Amino acid sequence: MALEFRCADVGLACRGKVTADSKEELLAKVGEHAQKVHDVALTETLVDYALTKVRTK
């Protein structure tokens, strides 16, 4: 079961989409995208919120 996170689901005007096979891998990829594209370092609060928007495929 793949997991998917989309920036648009948290209100960002970004078409970024990240997929992974585990929560840990997904969070690493989301953190990398957030830093590179949005210049944002994920905090515990942002991680908790992002996890509420994760979809399963």
Protein backbone atom coordinates (compact mmCIF):
# COMPACT_ATOMS: atom_id res chain seq x y z
CA MET A 1 0.00 0.00 0.00
CA ALA A 2 1.53 3.29 -1.10
CA LEU A 3 1.15 6.52 0.83
CA GLU A 4 0.72 9.89 -0.85
CA PHE A 5 1.02 13.51 0.34
CA ARG A 6 0.04 16.55 -1.73
CA CYS A 7 1.03 20.09 -0.82
CA ALA A 8 -2.31 21.38 -2.08
CA ASP A 9 -4.07 19.32 0.62
CA VAL A 10 -2.49 21.53 3.29
CA GLY A 11 -3.40 24.76 1.53
CA LEU A 12 -0.23 25.44 -0.45
CA ALA A 13 -0.35 26.68 -4.03
CA CYS A 14 1.95 23.87 -5.09
CA ARG A 15 1.37 20.84 -7.27
CA GLY A 16 3.95 18.85 -5.33
CA LYS A 17 3.07 15.22 -4.69
CA VAL A 18 5.17 12.75 -2.73
CA THR A 19 4.64 8.99 -2.58
CA ALA A 20 6.32 6.30 -0.52
CA ASP A 21 5.78 2.81 0.85
CA SER A 22 6.23 3.72 4.53
CA LYS A 23 5.44 6.63 6.82
CA GLU A 24 9.12 7.16 7.59
CA GLU A 25 10.07 7.29 3.90
CA LEU A 26 7.16 9.62 3.14
CA LEU A 27 8.11 12.05 5.93
CA ALA A 28 11.72 12.11 4.75
CA LYS A 29 10.61 12.95 1.21
CA VAL A 30 8.07 15.54 2.39
CA GLY A 31 10.72 17.15 4.58
CA GLU A 32 13.16 17.32 1.67
CA HIS A 33 10.52 18.84 -0.61
CA ALA A 34 9.42 21.35 2.04
CA GLN A 35 13.01 22.49 2.56
CA LYS A 36 14.01 22.70 -1.10
CA VAL A 37 10.83 24.11 -2.61
CA HIS A 38 9.18 26.01 0.24
CA ASP A 39 12.23 26.84 2.41
CA VAL A 40 10.42 25.36 5.40
CA ALA A 41 11.86 22.99 8.00
CA LEU A 42 9.27 20.56 9.32
CA THR A 43 8.44 20.89 12.99
CA GLU A 44 6.63 18.28 15.04
CA THR A 45 3.41 20.29 14.64
CA LEU A 46 3.78 20.44 10.84
CA VAL A 47 4.53 16.72 10.68
CA ASP A 48 1.45 15.92 12.77
CA TYR A 49 -0.72 18.08 10.50
CA ALA A 50 0.79 16.64 7.31
CA LEU A 51 0.08 13.11 8.52
CA THR A 52 -3.63 13.94 8.77
CA LYS A 53 -3.59 14.64 5.01
CA VAL A 54 -1.80 11.47 3.87
CA ARG A 55 -3.75 9.35 1.39
CA THR A 56 -3.38 5.63 0.83
CA LYS A 57 -3.30 4.25 -2.67
